[in-house]
Amino acid sequence: MREFIFGTDWWTDCDDLAAMRILLRAHKEGKIKLLGVGINACMEFSVPSVDGFIALEGVTDIPLGIDLKGTDFEGTHLKYQKNLAPFSVNYKKNEDAEDAVKLYRRLLRDCEGKVEIVEVGFLQVFAELLLSKPDEISEKTGLELVREKVKKVWVMAGKWDEQGGKEHNFCNNHRSRTGGEIFCRLCPVSVTFLGFEAGENVISGNELSDDDFLYKSFCDHGSSKGRCSWDPLTALLAVTGDEKSAGYDYVQGRASVDEIGGRNYFTADEKGPHRYVIPLYDSKYYQDKINEIIN
């Protein structure tokens, strides 16, 4: 069975929640095994709200990690997090969760085969993982653990329809810019990016029932008529496991991020380690795919 780690900002937007539902439903159906969730932004109810959402989905054994330093990203939406937090089973406050880098290191150490990682938020946790030194968890560096234990990384970040594009997950602040630069430069395994342009016009969550807690969270966010689908598209792409089968063409090459301004660049190279996807169909095709799963 394919095994996954999920990295999310779970921050000011609600598309992370739709992505989480896609992964959890695949987990419950036995299509994948979700090993853990790393939260790369920190608000008052981050950990309890993630755990509450997972519990409402009928799962209670997914370990969480968080970057407690990640409080410097802009944004103030707290309502859906506050409303989900009381449903938490395992965590009452952010400090109850493991440090996100340590969680990644432990999960990679313990996995028997190779895992896939889905990242839909800021990349400073993954960057810190790559830079991490041997410790009480493993005698290997983070770079060695990723090289040996990670098969593929699926990332929502970047704006790839232009050189020097700017997108939130790369350019939000110094930590996200530096994290993106380090990730693109050092990640030793294959990476597929889904960019801003691929999800901007795909609106999902617009067919949820009124009594669905995901719909209530969308309403708390102000997205009762649905939301752009950057994160659920990335989760669905990862679960599908193949760009073409998921409905995309791609460009092969090497991505880079300017750590000063957070702009992303791409050099085409058929032997490069990176890809960004280009949708093959109209927006409704992808919208229907997501809604079919999350409804």
Protein backbone atom coordinates (compact mmCIF):
# COMPACT_ATOMS: atom_id res chain seq x y z
CA MET A 1 0.00 0.00 0.00
CA ARG A 2 1.21 3.51 -0.79
CA GLU A 3 2.04 5.50 2.35
CA PHE A 4 1.73 9.27 2.70
CA ILE A 5 2.73 12.17 4.92
CA PHE A 6 0.63 15.32 4.56
CA GLY A 7 2.02 18.81 5.15
CA THR A 8 -0.50 21.65 5.44
CA ASP A 9 -0.60 25.24 6.59
CA TRP A 10 -4.27 24.83 7.72
CA TRP A 11 -4.13 28.60 7.94
CA THR A 12 -6.43 31.27 6.52
CA ASP A 13 -7.98 29.28 3.67
CA CYS A 14 -10.37 26.32 3.63
CA ASP A 15 -9.14 24.33 0.62
CA ASP A 16 -6.76 22.48 2.98
CA LEU A 17 -9.83 20.88 4.55
CA ALA A 18 -11.07 19.53 1.23
CA ALA A 19 -7.58 18.15 0.57
CA MET A 20 -7.57 16.49 3.99
CA ARG A 21 -10.95 14.86 3.27
CA ILE A 22 -9.65 13.44 -0.02
CA LEU A 23 -6.63 11.91 1.72
CA LEU A 24 -8.64 10.60 4.67
CA ARG A 25 -11.26 8.99 2.46
CA ALA A 26 -8.54 7.28 0.44
CA HIS A 27 -7.02 6.20 3.76
CA LYS A 28 -10.31 4.75 5.03
CA GLU A 29 -10.94 2.99 1.72
CA GLY A 30 -7.54 1.29 1.93
CA LYS A 31 -6.15 3.01 -1.15
CA ILE A 32 -3.39 4.72 0.84
CA LYS A 33 -2.13 4.83 4.40
CA LEU A 34 -1.82 8.30 5.90
CA LEU A 35 1.08 8.09 8.33
CA GLY A 36 0.92 11.58 9.80
CA VAL A 37 0.20 15.27 9.31
CA GLY A 38 2.66 18.12 9.71
CA ILE A 39 1.23 21.62 10.26
CA ASN A 40 3.55 24.32 8.96
CA ALA A 41 1.71 27.39 10.26
CA CYS A 42 0.64 28.02 13.83
CA MET A 43 -2.56 29.70 15.00
CA GLU A 44 -4.36 29.38 18.33
CA PHE A 45 -6.38 26.26 17.49
CA SER A 46 -4.23 24.70 14.74
CA VAL A 47 -3.54 21.27 16.22
CA PRO A 48 -6.88 20.71 17.98
CA SER A 49 -8.80 21.77 14.86
CA VAL A 50 -6.85 19.42 12.58
CA ASP A 51 -7.35 16.59 15.05
CA GLY A 52 -11.02 17.51 15.40
CA PHE A 53 -11.51 17.40 11.64
CA ILE A 54 -9.78 14.03 11.41
CA ALA A 55 -11.93 12.68 14.27
CA LEU A 56 -15.12 13.89 12.57
CA GLU A 57 -13.98 11.91 9.52
CA GLY A 58 -13.93 8.82 11.72
CA VAL A 59 -10.17 8.47 12.17
CA THR A 60 -8.41 8.84 15.53
CA ASP A 61 -4.90 7.48 15.10
CA ILE A 62 -3.10 9.99 12.85
CA PRO A 63 -0.14 11.63 14.65
CA LEU A 64 0.29 15.38 14.23
CA GLY A 65 3.30 17.65 14.29
CA ILE A 66 3.52 21.43 14.15
CA ASP A 67 6.01 24.23 13.65
CA LEU A 68 5.30 26.32 16.73
CA LYS A 69 7.52 29.07 15.29
CA GLY A 70 5.22 29.46 12.29
CA THR A 71 3.22 32.36 13.69
CA ASP A 72 4.55 35.03 11.34
CA PHE A 73 2.46 34.29 8.24
CA GLU A 74 -0.20 36.88 7.48
CA GLY A 75 -3.85 36.03 8.01
CA THR A 76 -6.49 36.00 10.74
CA HIS A 77 -9.24 33.49 9.80
CA LEU A 78 -9.87 31.50 12.97
CA LYS A 79 -13.59 30.70 12.94
CA TYR A 80 -13.52 27.24 11.36
CA GLN A 81 -10.52 26.26 13.45
CA LYS A 82 -12.19 27.38 16.66
CA ASN A 83 -15.36 25.47 15.75
CA LEU A 84 -13.49 22.25 14.90
CA ALA A 85 -11.20 22.26 17.95
CA PRO A 86 -13.77 20.92 20.46
CA PHE A 87 -13.98 17.68 18.47
CA SER A 88 -10.30 16.90 19.03
CA VAL A 89 -9.61 13.51 20.57
CA ASN A 90 -5.86 13.49 21.06
CA TYR A 91 -4.71 17.11 21.39
CA LYS A 92 -6.03 19.94 23.54
CA LYS A 93 -3.46 22.55 22.56
CA ASN A 94 -0.75 23.08 19.96
CA GLU A 95 2.00 22.22 22.41
CA ASP A 96 0.61 18.69 22.81
CA ALA A 97 1.80 17.84 19.29
CA GLU A 98 5.29 16.78 18.29
CA ASP A 99 7.63 19.19 16.53
CA ALA A 100 6.85 18.82 12.81
CA VAL A 101 10.45 18.15 11.74
CA LYS A 102 10.81 15.48 14.41
CA LEU A 103 7.53 13.91 13.28
CA TYR A 104 8.79 13.72 9.70
CA ARG A 105 12.12 12.26 10.84
CA ARG A 106 10.41 9.64 13.01
CA LEU A 107 7.89 8.62 10.35
CA LEU A 108 10.62 8.29 7.73
CA ARG A 109 12.83 6.30 10.10
CA ASP A 110 10.04 3.87 10.91
CA CYS A 111 8.59 3.25 7.46
CA GLU A 112 9.57 -0.05 5.85
CA GLY A 113 9.28 1.05 2.25
CA LYS A 114 9.25 4.45 0.59
CA VAL A 115 6.63 7.08 1.34
CA GLU A 116 5.15 9.93 -0.66
CA ILE A 117 4.78 13.41 0.79
CA VAL A 118 2.04 15.87 -0.10
CA GLU A 119 2.77 19.51 0.75
CA VAL A 120 0.05 22.14 0.35
CA GLY A 121 1.39 24.90 2.59
CA PHE A 122 4.65 26.62 3.35
CA LEU A 123 7.84 24.63 2.84
CA GLN A 124 9.98 25.71 5.77
CA VAL A 125 9.31 22.44 7.67
CA PHE A 126 10.46 20.36 4.70
CA ALA A 127 13.48 22.64 4.31
CA GLU A 128 14.35 22.20 7.98
CA LEU A 129 13.95 18.44 7.53
CA LEU A 130 16.45 18.49 4.66
CA LEU A 131 18.90 20.49 6.78
CA SER A 132 18.39 18.44 9.96
CA LYS A 133 21.33 16.69 11.60
CA PRO A 134 21.52 13.24 13.20
CA ASP A 135 19.68 13.18 16.51
CA GLU A 136 18.05 10.85 19.04
CA ILE A 137 15.51 9.81 16.39
CA SER A 138 17.94 8.76 13.69
CA GLU A 139 21.66 8.71 13.08
CA LYS A 140 20.96 9.87 9.53
CA THR A 141 20.69 13.44 8.31
CA GLY A 142 17.39 14.66 6.98
CA LEU A 143 18.77 14.69 3.46
CA GLU A 144 19.76 11.03 3.84
CA LEU A 145 16.34 10.08 5.23
CA VAL A 146 14.52 11.78 2.37
CA ARG A 147 16.82 10.24 -0.24
CA GLU A 148 16.39 6.75 1.22
CA LYS A 149 12.75 6.81 2.37
CA VAL A 150 10.83 9.19 0.08
CA LYS A 151 9.66 8.10 -3.34
CA LYS A 152 7.94 11.30 -4.50
CA VAL A 153 6.84 14.74 -3.31
CA TRP A 154 3.64 16.42 -4.53
CA VAL A 155 3.55 20.17 -3.90
CA MET A 156 0.99 22.95 -4.25
CA ALA A 157 3.16 26.00 -4.78
CA GLY A 158 4.33 28.36 -7.48
CA LYS A 159 2.88 30.09 -10.50
CA TRP A 160 4.39 28.29 -13.45
CA ASP A 161 2.67 29.90 -16.41
CA GLU A 162 5.21 32.71 -16.28
CA GLN A 163 8.89 33.02 -15.40
CA GLY A 164 9.20 34.96 -12.18
CA GLY A 165 5.67 34.12 -11.10
CA LYS A 166 4.64 34.93 -7.53
CA GLU A 167 2.46 32.63 -5.43
CA HIS A 168 1.46 32.68 -1.76
CA ASN A 169 3.15 29.48 -0.57
CA PHE A 170 6.54 30.64 -1.85
CA CYS A 171 6.40 34.40 -1.34
CA ASN A 172 4.36 34.99 1.84
CA ASN A 173 7.31 35.98 4.04
CA HIS A 174 11.01 35.37 4.61
CA ARG A 175 10.46 31.90 6.07
CA SER A 176 8.35 30.73 3.13
CA ARG A 177 10.74 32.23 0.58
CA THR A 178 13.78 30.67 2.21
CA GLY A 179 11.96 27.36 2.67
CA GLY A 180 10.98 27.27 -0.99
CA GLU A 181 14.50 28.08 -2.15
CA ILE A 182 16.08 25.38 0.02
CA PHE A 183 13.45 22.81 -0.93
CA CYS A 184 13.88 23.32 -4.68
CA ARG A 185 17.65 23.33 -4.43
CA LEU A 186 18.18 20.39 -2.08
CA CYS A 187 15.28 17.94 -2.35
CA PRO A 188 16.92 14.75 -3.66
CA VAL A 189 13.80 13.05 -5.03
CA SER A 190 11.26 13.70 -7.77
CA VAL A 191 8.84 16.60 -7.22
CA THR A 192 5.62 17.49 -9.06
CA PHE A 193 4.23 20.99 -8.55
CA LEU A 194 0.63 22.05 -9.05
CA GLY A 195 0.65 25.82 -9.44
CA PHE A 196 -1.74 28.68 -8.73
CA GLU A 197 -2.84 28.80 -12.35
CA ALA A 198 -3.99 25.15 -12.31
CA GLY A 199 -6.44 25.58 -9.43
CA GLU A 200 -7.59 29.17 -9.62
CA ASN A 201 -10.67 28.52 -11.76
CA VAL A 202 -11.66 25.11 -10.38
CA ILE A 203 -14.34 25.76 -7.75
CA SER A 204 -15.16 22.80 -5.50
CA GLY A 205 -17.18 22.32 -2.35
CA ASN A 206 -20.17 24.00 -3.99
CA GLU A 207 -22.29 20.84 -3.83
CA LEU A 208 -21.81 19.92 -0.17
CA SER A 209 -24.88 19.26 1.94
CA ASP A 210 -25.89 21.82 4.55
CA ASP A 211 -25.32 19.42 7.44
CA ASP A 212 -21.78 18.46 6.37
CA PHE A 213 -19.17 19.79 8.78
CA LEU A 214 -16.91 20.49 5.82
CA TYR A 215 -19.61 22.74 4.37
CA LYS A 216 -19.94 24.48 7.75
CA SER A 217 -16.19 25.09 7.72
CA PHE A 218 -16.41 26.49 4.20
CA CYS A 219 -19.18 28.81 5.42
CA ASP A 220 -17.05 29.85 8.41
CA HIS A 221 -14.40 30.83 5.89
CA GLY A 222 -16.92 32.77 3.80
CA SER A 223 -16.89 30.22 0.97
CA SER A 224 -20.44 28.86 1.09
CA LYS A 225 -20.51 28.76 -2.73
CA GLY A 226 -17.24 26.81 -2.96
CA ARG A 227 -13.58 27.65 -3.08
CA CYS A 228 -10.66 27.56 -5.51
CA SER A 229 -9.23 24.04 -5.52
CA TRP A 230 -5.46 24.33 -5.27
CA ASP A 231 -5.04 21.96 -2.33
CA PRO A 232 -7.68 19.32 -3.15
CA LEU A 233 -6.36 19.15 -6.72
CA THR A 234 -2.90 18.44 -5.33
CA ALA A 235 -4.22 15.78 -2.97
CA LEU A 236 -6.22 14.14 -5.78
CA LEU A 237 -3.19 14.25 -8.07
CA ALA A 238 -1.10 12.56 -5.39
CA VAL A 239 -3.67 9.86 -4.65
CA THR A 240 -4.03 9.18 -8.37
CA GLY A 241 -0.25 8.87 -8.46
CA ASP A 242 0.33 9.81 -12.09
CA GLU A 243 0.03 13.17 -13.83
CA LYS A 244 -1.42 11.83 -17.07
CA SER A 245 -4.01 9.66 -15.34
CA ALA A 246 -5.05 12.64 -13.24
CA GLY A 247 -5.69 14.71 -16.37
CA TYR A 248 -2.53 16.72 -16.78
CA ASP A 249 0.35 17.22 -19.12
CA TYR A 250 3.58 18.37 -17.52
CA VAL A 251 6.84 20.16 -18.16
CA GLN A 252 9.99 18.44 -16.93
CA GLY A 253 12.97 20.37 -15.66
CA ARG A 254 14.27 22.16 -12.58
CA ALA A 255 12.41 24.65 -10.41
CA SER A 256 14.01 27.41 -8.37
CA VAL A 257 12.80 30.10 -6.01
CA ASP A 258 14.36 33.51 -5.41
CA GLU A 259 14.63 33.73 -1.63
CA ILE A 260 14.62 37.53 -1.74
CA GLY A 261 11.32 38.03 -3.55
CA GLY A 262 9.84 34.52 -3.58
CA ARG A 263 9.50 34.45 -7.36
CA ASN A 264 9.60 31.02 -8.99
CA TYR A 265 11.51 30.05 -12.14
CA PHE A 266 11.65 26.89 -14.22
CA THR A 267 14.29 25.58 -16.61
CA ALA A 268 13.02 22.88 -18.95
CA ASP A 269 15.18 19.74 -18.98
CA GLU A 270 13.91 16.28 -19.88
CA LYS A 271 16.23 14.81 -17.24
CA GLY A 272 15.34 17.32 -14.53
CA PRO A 273 13.96 16.25 -11.13
CA HIS A 274 10.94 18.56 -11.17
CA ARG A 275 7.64 18.82 -13.03
CA TYR A 276 4.79 21.28 -13.09
CA VAL A 277 1.40 20.23 -14.37
CA ILE A 278 -0.75 21.72 -17.13
CA PRO A 279 -4.48 20.83 -17.09
CA LEU A 280 -5.68 18.95 -20.17
CA TYR A 281 -9.41 19.58 -19.62
CA ASP A 282 -11.75 22.37 -18.65
CA SER A 283 -12.34 23.41 -15.05
CA LYS A 284 -15.59 21.47 -14.70
CA TYR A 285 -13.78 18.17 -15.30
CA TYR A 286 -11.61 18.66 -12.19
CA GLN A 287 -14.41 20.24 -10.17
CA ASP A 288 -16.58 17.17 -10.74
CA LYS A 289 -13.74 14.84 -9.79
CA ILE A 290 -13.23 16.60 -6.46
CA ASN A 291 -16.92 17.00 -5.64
CA GLU A 292 -17.54 13.32 -6.34
CA ILE A 293 -15.09 12.44 -3.59
CA ILE A 294 -15.83 15.09 -0.95
CA ASN A 295 -19.65 15.13 -1.15
